[in-house]
Amino acid sequence: MKMHGQKLDREIAKDTGIALPQVRLAITKLQGTKAVFSCNVINFDNGVAIEGILCRFSGYFPPAAPGRKPATPAAVA
């Protein structure tokens, strides 16, 4: 999750080899401690709706992409 900043529950289950119900239970526990923020999402794969949970670390901001220009300073009036 740290590489991308967020992941779907089914991606976490696939990457770690843990069953999806166990991943969802762990996400619920982490939500209780406010270590993870999550929301319910619906993705469509060939017209089939797939429900899941999108997770993001609390207070984590992924690094800026390479080649990005620095922000311009605010204009002083």
PDB file of N, CA and C in Angstrom:
ATOM      1  N   MET A   1       0.818  -1.195   0.000  1.00  0.00           N
ATOM      2  CA  MET A   1       0.000   0.000   0.000  1.00  0.00           C
ATOM      3  C   MET A   1       0.860   1.256   0.000  1.00  0.00           C
ATOM      4  N   LYS A   2       2.032   1.182   0.605  1.00  0.00           N
ATOM      5  CA  LYS A   2       2.853   2.389   0.674  1.00  0.00           C
ATOM      6  C   LYS A   2       3.329   2.842  -0.699  1.00  0.00           C
ATOM      7  N   MET A   3       3.486   1.923  -1.613  1.00  0.00           N
ATOM      8  CA  MET A   3       3.967   2.304  -2.939  1.00  0.00           C
ATOM      9  C   MET A   3       2.917   3.128  -3.698  1.00  0.00           C
ATOM     10  N   HIS A   4       1.665   2.731  -3.622  1.00  0.00           N
ATOM     11  CA  HIS A   4       0.609   3.399  -4.377  1.00  0.00           C
ATOM     12  C   HIS A   4      -0.253   4.313  -3.520  1.00  0.00           C
ATOM     13  N   GLY A   5      -0.196   4.149  -2.215  1.00  0.00           N
ATOM     14  CA  GLY A   5      -0.998   4.983  -1.337  1.00  0.00           C
ATOM     15  C   GLY A   5      -2.359   4.397  -1.031  1.00  0.00           C
ATOM     16  N   GLN A   6      -2.885   3.575  -1.934  1.00  0.00           N
ATOM     17  CA  GLN A   6      -4.192   2.960  -1.695  1.00  0.00           C
ATOM     18  C   GLN A   6      -4.275   1.651  -2.471  1.00  0.00           C
ATOM     19  N   LYS A   7      -5.142   0.765  -1.979  1.00  0.00           N
ATOM     20  CA  LYS A   7      -5.347  -0.529  -2.633  1.00  0.00           C
ATOM     21  C   LYS A   7      -6.735  -1.049  -2.326  1.00  0.00           C
ATOM     22  N   LEU A   8      -7.230  -1.896  -3.209  1.00  0.00           N
ATOM     23  CA  LEU A   8      -8.498  -2.580  -2.991  1.00  0.00           C
ATOM     24  C   LEU A   8      -8.277  -3.810  -2.118  1.00  0.00           C
ATOM     25  N   ASP A   9      -9.316  -4.201  -1.403  1.00  0.00           N
ATOM     26  CA  ASP A   9      -9.204  -5.353  -0.514  1.00  0.00           C
ATOM     27  C   ASP A   9      -8.842  -6.626  -1.257  1.00  0.00           C
ATOM     28  N   ARG A  10      -9.384  -6.818  -2.434  1.00  0.00           N
ATOM     29  CA  ARG A  10      -9.075  -8.040  -3.182  1.00  0.00           C
ATOM     30  C   ARG A  10      -7.628  -8.044  -3.685  1.00  0.00           C
ATOM     31  N   GLU A  11      -7.050  -6.861  -3.948  1.00  0.00           N
ATOM     32  CA  GLU A  11      -5.638  -6.782  -4.330  1.00  0.00           C
ATOM     33  C   GLU A  11      -4.744  -7.128  -3.138  1.00  0.00           C
ATOM     34  N   ILE A  12      -5.123  -6.663  -1.953  1.00  0.00           N
ATOM     35  CA  ILE A  12      -4.365  -6.973  -0.739  1.00  0.00           C
ATOM     36  C   ILE A  12      -4.401  -8.479  -0.483  1.00  0.00           C
ATOM     37  N   ALA A  13      -5.585  -9.083  -0.625  1.00  0.00           N
ATOM     38  CA  ALA A  13      -5.728 -10.520  -0.414  1.00  0.00           C
ATOM     39  C   ALA A  13      -4.877 -11.302  -1.409  1.00  0.00           C
ATOM     40  N   LYS A  14      -4.877 -10.880  -2.665  1.00  0.00           N
ATOM     41  CA  LYS A  14      -4.101 -11.573  -3.701  1.00  0.00           C
ATOM     42  C   LYS A  14      -2.597 -11.443  -3.436  1.00  0.00           C
ATOM     43  N   ASP A  15      -2.148 -10.241  -3.084  1.00  0.00           N
ATOM     44  CA  ASP A  15      -0.719 -10.002  -2.869  1.00  0.00           C
ATOM     45  C   ASP A  15      -0.174 -10.698  -1.624  1.00  0.00           C
ATOM     46  N   THR A  16      -0.990 -10.793  -0.584  1.00  0.00           N
ATOM     47  CA  THR A  16      -0.514 -11.385   0.672  1.00  0.00           C
ATOM     48  C   THR A  16      -0.836 -12.865   0.804  1.00  0.00           C
ATOM     49  N   GLY A  17      -1.792 -13.369   0.012  1.00  0.00           N
ATOM     50  CA  GLY A  17      -2.182 -14.765   0.102  1.00  0.00           C
ATOM     51  C   GLY A  17      -3.146 -15.044   1.242  1.00  0.00           C
ATOM     52  N   ILE A  18      -3.719 -13.992   1.815  1.00  0.00           N
ATOM     53  CA  ILE A  18      -4.683 -14.130   2.906  1.00  0.00           C
ATOM     54  C   ILE A  18      -6.088 -14.146   2.301  1.00  0.00           C
ATOM     55  N   ALA A  19      -6.982 -14.917   2.902  1.00  0.00           N
ATOM     56  CA  ALA A  19      -8.357 -15.005   2.406  1.00  0.00           C
ATOM     57  C   ALA A  19      -9.047 -13.646   2.505  1.00  0.00           C
ATOM     58  N   LEU A  20      -9.918 -13.348   1.542  1.00  0.00           N
ATOM     59  CA  LEU A  20     -10.605 -12.059   1.477  1.00  0.00           C
ATOM     60  C   LEU A  20     -11.409 -11.733   2.741  1.00  0.00           C
ATOM     61  N   PRO A  21     -12.156 -12.689   3.334  1.00  0.00           N
ATOM     62  CA  PRO A  21     -12.873 -12.360   4.573  1.00  0.00           C
ATOM     63  C   PRO A  21     -11.944 -11.948   5.716  1.00  0.00           C
ATOM     64  N   GLN A  22     -10.762 -12.566   5.787  1.00  0.00           N
ATOM     65  CA  GLN A  22      -9.798 -12.206   6.828  1.00  0.00           C
ATOM     66  C   GLN A  22      -9.220 -10.812   6.577  1.00  0.00           C
ATOM     67  N   VAL A  23      -8.998 -10.480   5.312  1.00  0.00           N
ATOM     68  CA  VAL A  23      -8.500  -9.143   4.972  1.00  0.00           C
ATOM     69  C   VAL A  23      -9.533  -8.096   5.362  1.00  0.00           C
ATOM     70  N   ARG A  24     -10.801  -8.354   5.056  1.00  0.00           N
ATOM     71  CA  ARG A  24     -11.861  -7.404   5.404  1.00  0.00           C
ATOM     72  C   ARG A  24     -11.989  -7.234   6.906  1.00  0.00           C
ATOM     73  N   LEU A  25     -11.807  -8.309   7.665  1.00  0.00           N
ATOM     74  CA  LEU A  25     -11.848  -8.227   9.125  1.00  0.00           C
ATOM     75  C   LEU A  25     -10.681  -7.381   9.643  1.00  0.00           C
ATOM     76  N   ALA A  26      -9.501  -7.580   9.079  1.00  0.00           N
ATOM     77  CA  ALA A  26      -8.334  -6.797   9.482  1.00  0.00           C
ATOM     78  C   ALA A  26      -8.527  -5.318   9.148  1.00  0.00           C
ATOM     79  N   ILE A  27      -9.129  -5.023   7.999  1.00  0.00           N
ATOM     80  CA  ILE A  27      -9.396  -3.635   7.611  1.00  0.00           C
ATOM     81  C   ILE A  27     -10.350  -2.991   8.606  1.00  0.00           C
ATOM     82  N   THR A  28     -11.367  -3.739   9.021  1.00  0.00           N
ATOM     83  CA  THR A  28     -12.329  -3.221   9.995  1.00  0.00           C
ATOM     84  C   THR A  28     -11.637  -2.898  11.316  1.00  0.00           C
ATOM     85  N   LYS A  29     -10.740  -3.759  11.755  1.00  0.00           N
ATOM     86  CA  LYS A  29     -10.004  -3.516  13.004  1.00  0.00           C
ATOM     87  C   LYS A  29      -9.101  -2.288  12.873  1.00  0.00           C
ATOM     88  N   LEU A  30      -8.438  -2.140  11.734  1.00  0.00           N
ATOM     89  CA  LEU A  30      -7.559  -0.987  11.517  1.00  0.00           C
ATOM     90  C   LEU A  30      -8.354   0.315  11.428  1.00  0.00           C
ATOM     91  N   GLN A  31      -9.581   0.227  10.918  1.00  0.00           N
ATOM     92  CA  GLN A  31     -10.450   1.408  10.888  1.00  0.00           C
ATOM     93  C   GLN A  31     -10.771   1.859  12.305  1.00  0.00           C
ATOM     94  N   GLY A  32     -10.963   0.906  13.195  1.00  0.00           N
ATOM     95  CA  GLY A  32     -11.279   1.230  14.588  1.00  0.00           C
ATOM     96  C   GLY A  32     -10.155   1.987  15.278  1.00  0.00           C
ATOM     97  N   THR A  33      -8.914   1.716  14.893  1.00  0.00           N
ATOM     98  CA  THR A  33      -7.778   2.422  15.475  1.00  0.00           C
ATOM     99  C   THR A  33      -7.396   3.658  14.660  1.00  0.00           C
ATOM    100  N   LYS A  34      -8.127   3.897  13.580  1.00  0.00           N
ATOM    101  CA  LYS A  34      -7.909   5.029  12.664  1.00  0.00           C
ATOM    102  C   LYS A  34      -6.539   4.985  11.997  1.00  0.00           C
ATOM    103  N   ALA A  35      -6.015   3.765  11.798  1.00  0.00           N
ATOM    104  CA  ALA A  35      -4.753   3.595  11.083  1.00  0.00           C
ATOM    105  C   ALA A  35      -4.983   3.568   9.576  1.00  0.00           C
ATOM    106  N   VAL A  36      -6.224   3.230   9.182  1.00  0.00           N
ATOM    107  CA  VAL A  36      -6.577   3.122   7.767  1.00  0.00           C
ATOM    108  C   VAL A  36      -7.924   3.789   7.550  1.00  0.00           C
ATOM    109  N   PHE A  37      -8.031   4.500   6.438  1.00  0.00           N
ATOM    110  CA  PHE A  37      -9.322   5.018   5.999  1.00  0.00           C
ATOM    111  C   PHE A  37      -9.776   4.161   4.838  1.00  0.00           C
ATOM    112  N   SER A  38     -11.068   3.906   4.750  1.00  0.00           N
ATOM    113  CA  SER A  38     -11.557   3.084   3.656  1.00  0.00           C
ATOM    114  C   SER A  38     -12.941   3.537   3.224  1.00  0.00           C
ATOM    115  N   CYS A  39     -13.306   3.121   2.024  1.00  0.00           N
ATOM    116  CA  CYS A  39     -14.646   3.393   1.520  1.00  0.00           C
ATOM    117  C   CYS A  39     -15.064   2.227   0.632  1.00  0.00           C
ATOM    118  N   ASN A  40     -16.349   2.041   0.518  1.00  0.00           N
ATOM    119  CA  ASN A  40     -16.886   0.982  -0.326  1.00  0.00           C
ATOM    120  C   ASN A  40     -16.919   1.468  -1.766  1.00  0.00           C
ATOM    121  N   VAL A  41     -16.480   0.614  -2.682  1.00  0.00           N
ATOM    122  CA  VAL A  41     -16.453   0.955  -4.099  1.00  0.00           C
ATOM    123  C   VAL A  41     -17.075  -0.173  -4.906  1.00  0.00           C
ATOM    124  N   ILE A  42     -17.542   0.177  -6.088  1.00  0.00           N
ATOM    125  CA  ILE A  42     -18.067  -0.809  -7.026  1.00  0.00           C
ATOM    126  C   ILE A  42     -17.319  -0.621  -8.340  1.00  0.00           C
ATOM    127  N   ASN A  43     -16.624  -1.657  -8.776  1.00  0.00           N
ATOM    128  CA  ASN A  43     -15.925  -1.649 -10.056  1.00  0.00           C
ATOM    129  C   ASN A  43     -16.699  -2.542 -11.013  1.00  0.00           C
ATOM    130  N   PHE A  44     -16.640  -2.215 -12.290  1.00  0.00           N
ATOM    131  CA  PHE A  44     -17.314  -3.017 -13.300  1.00  0.00           C
ATOM    132  C   PHE A  44     -16.282  -3.696 -14.177  1.00  0.00           C
ATOM    133  N   ASP A  45     -16.391  -5.026 -14.277  1.00  0.00           N
ATOM    134  CA  ASP A  45     -15.500  -5.819 -15.111  1.00  0.00           C
ATOM    135  C   ASP A  45     -16.356  -6.551 -16.136  1.00  0.00           C
ATOM    136  N   ASN A  46     -16.299  -6.112 -17.385  1.00  0.00           N
ATOM    137  CA  ASN A  46     -17.129  -6.674 -18.464  1.00  0.00           C
ATOM    138  C   ASN A  46     -18.615  -6.641 -18.110  1.00  0.00           C
ATOM    139  N   GLY A  47     -19.057  -5.551 -17.525  1.00  0.00           N
ATOM    140  CA  GLY A  47     -20.461  -5.377 -17.187  1.00  0.00           C
ATOM    141  C   GLY A  47     -20.888  -6.024 -15.882  1.00  0.00           C
ATOM    142  N   VAL A  48     -19.980  -6.678 -15.182  1.00  0.00           N
ATOM    143  CA  VAL A  48     -20.298  -7.331 -13.910  1.00  0.00           C
ATOM    144  C   VAL A  48     -19.830  -6.424 -12.774  1.00  0.00           C
ATOM    145  N   ALA A  49     -20.741  -6.093 -11.862  1.00  0.00           N
ATOM    146  CA  ALA A  49     -20.398  -5.234 -10.720  1.00  0.00           C
ATOM    147  C   ALA A  49     -19.646  -6.043  -9.669  1.00  0.00           C
ATOM    148  N   ILE A  50     -18.496  -5.509  -9.246  1.00  0.00           N
ATOM    149  CA  ILE A  50     -17.684  -6.152  -8.213  1.00  0.00           C
ATOM    150  C   ILE A  50     -17.546  -5.161  -7.068  1.00  0.00           C
ATOM    151  N   GLU A  51     -18.095  -5.524  -5.897  1.00  0.00           N
ATOM    152  CA  GLU A  51     -18.013  -4.658  -4.728  1.00  0.00           C
ATOM    153  C   GLU A  51     -16.716  -4.930  -3.978  1.00  0.00           C
ATOM    154  N   GLY A  52     -16.146  -3.866  -3.401  1.00  0.00           N
ATOM    155  CA  GLY A  52     -14.910  -4.013  -2.656  1.00  0.00           C
ATOM    156  C   GLY A  52     -14.709  -2.858  -1.701  1.00  0.00           C
ATOM    157  N   ILE A  53     -13.582  -2.873  -1.008  1.00  0.00           N
ATOM    158  CA  ILE A  53     -13.221  -1.820  -0.064  1.00  0.00           C
ATOM    159  C   ILE A  53     -11.901  -1.228  -0.527  1.00  0.00           C
ATOM    160  N   LEU A  54     -11.868   0.078  -0.684  1.00  0.00           N
ATOM    161  CA  LEU A  54     -10.652   0.787  -1.055  1.00  0.00           C
ATOM    162  C   LEU A  54     -10.023   1.326   0.216  1.00  0.00           C
ATOM    163  N   CYS A  55      -8.746   0.999   0.448  1.00  0.00           N
ATOM    164  CA  CYS A  55      -8.065   1.364   1.690  1.00  0.00           C
ATOM    165  C   CYS A  55      -6.947   2.345   1.423  1.00  0.00           C
ATOM    166  N   ARG A  56      -6.716   3.232   2.382  1.00  0.00           N
ATOM    167  CA  ARG A  56      -5.622   4.192   2.321  1.00  0.00           C
ATOM    168  C   ARG A  56      -5.096   4.388   3.731  1.00  0.00           C
ATOM    169  N   PHE A  57      -3.762   4.437   3.866  1.00  0.00           N
ATOM    170  CA  PHE A  57      -3.165   4.704   5.167  1.00  0.00           C
ATOM    171  C   PHE A  57      -3.585   6.069   5.665  1.00  0.00           C
ATOM    172  N   SER A  58      -3.802   6.190   6.938  1.00  0.00           N
ATOM    173  CA  SER A  58      -4.156   7.462   7.551  1.00  0.00           C
ATOM    174  C   SER A  58      -2.933   8.369   7.578  1.00  0.00           C
ATOM    175  N   GLY A  59      -3.056   9.552   7.014  1.00  0.00           N
ATOM    176  CA  GLY A  59      -1.984  10.533   7.063  1.00  0.00           C
ATOM    177  C   GLY A  59      -0.817  10.243   6.146  1.00  0.00           C
ATOM    178  N   TYR A  60      -0.931   9.299   5.243  1.00  0.00           N
ATOM    179  CA  TYR A  60       0.157   8.961   4.328  1.00  0.00           C
ATOM    180  C   TYR A  60      -0.046   9.660   2.995  1.00  0.00           C
ATOM    181  N   PHE A  61       0.990  10.313   2.509  1.00  0.00           N
ATOM    182  CA  PHE A  61       0.944  10.948   1.200  1.00  0.00           C
ATOM    183  C   PHE A  61       2.046  10.342   0.344  1.00  0.00           C
ATOM    184  N   PRO A  62       1.711   9.698  -0.757  1.00  0.00           N
ATOM    185  CA  PRO A  62       2.746   9.098  -1.593  1.00  0.00           C
ATOM    186  C   PRO A  62       3.672  10.168  -2.160  1.00  0.00           C
ATOM    187  N   PRO A  63       4.924   9.822  -2.455  1.00  0.00           N
ATOM    188  CA  PRO A  63       5.850  10.807  -2.991  1.00  0.00           C
ATOM    189  C   PRO A  63       5.388  11.304  -4.360  1.00  0.00           C
ATOM    190  N   ALA A  64       5.827  12.515  -4.709  1.00  0.00           N
ATOM    191  CA  ALA A  64       5.459  13.099  -5.993  1.00  0.00           C
ATOM    192  C   ALA A  64       6.078  12.286  -7.132  1.00  0.00           C
ATOM    193  N   ALA A  65       5.378  12.253  -8.235  1.00  0.00           N
ATOM    194  CA  ALA A  65       5.870  11.525  -9.404  1.00  0.00           C
ATOM    195  C   ALA A  65       7.101  12.223  -9.970  1.00  0.00           C
ATOM    196  N   PRO A  66       8.054  11.465 -10.516  1.00  0.00           N
ATOM    197  CA  PRO A  66       9.237  12.102 -11.083  1.00  0.00           C
ATOM    198  C   PRO A  66       8.864  12.977 -12.280  1.00  0.00           C
ATOM    199  N   GLY A  67       9.587  14.067 -12.433  1.00  0.00           N
ATOM    200  CA  GLY A  67       9.337  14.959 -13.547  1.00  0.00           C
ATOM    201  C   GLY A  67       8.293  16.017 -13.270  1.00  0.00           C
ATOM    202  N   ARG A  68       7.747  15.991 -12.086  1.00  0.00           N
ATOM    203  CA  ARG A  68       6.715  16.954 -11.741  1.00  0.00           C
ATOM    204  C   ARG A  68       7.348  18.308 -11.450  1.00  0.00           C
ATOM    205  N   LYS A  69       6.711  19.368 -11.890  1.00  0.00           N
ATOM    206  CA  LYS A  69       7.237  20.713 -11.664  1.00  0.00           C
ATOM    207  C   LYS A  69       6.885  21.171 -10.253  1.00  0.00           C
ATOM    208  N   PRO A  70       7.762  21.945  -9.635  1.00  0.00           N
ATOM    209  CA  PRO A  70       7.444  22.454  -8.295  1.00  0.00           C
ATOM    210  C   PRO A  70       6.283  23.439  -8.358  1.00  0.00           C
ATOM    211  N   ALA A  71       5.567  23.538  -7.269  1.00  0.00           N
ATOM    212  CA  ALA A  71       4.423  24.457  -7.188  1.00  0.00           C
ATOM    213  C   ALA A  71       4.917  25.898  -7.299  1.00  0.00           C
ATOM    214  N   THR A  72       4.124  26.736  -7.950  1.00  0.00           N
ATOM    215  CA  THR A  72       4.488  28.145  -8.067  1.00  0.00           C
ATOM    216  C   THR A  72       4.097  28.871  -6.801  1.00  0.00           C
ATOM    217  N   PRO A  73       4.886  29.851  -6.377  1.00  0.00           N
ATOM    218  CA  PRO A  73       4.536  30.589  -5.165  1.00  0.00           C
ATOM    219  C   PRO A  73       3.274  31.421  -5.390  1.00  0.00           C
ATOM    220  N   ALA A  74       2.520  31.592  -4.330  1.00  0.00           N
ATOM    221  CA  ALA A  74       1.276  32.362  -4.409  1.00  0.00           C
ATOM    222  C   ALA A  74       1.588  33.830  -4.702  1.00  0.00           C
ATOM    223  N   ALA A  75       0.751  34.418  -5.520  1.00  0.00           N
ATOM    224  CA  ALA A  75       0.948  35.829  -5.874  1.00  0.00           C
ATOM    225  C   ALA A  75       0.597  36.712  -4.675  1.00  0.00           C
ATOM    226  N   VAL A  76       1.459  37.667  -4.401  1.00  0.00           N
ATOM    227  CA  VAL A  76       1.241  38.584  -3.280  1.00  0.00           C
ATOM    228  C   VAL A  76       0.553  39.820  -3.829  1.00  0.00           C
ATOM    229  N   ALA A  77      -0.577  40.167  -3.254  1.00  0.00           N
ATOM    230  CA  ALA A  77      -1.330  41.318  -3.748  1.00  0.00           C
ATOM    231  C   ALA A  77      -1.111  42.545  -2.924  1.00  0.00           C
TER     232      ALA A  77
END
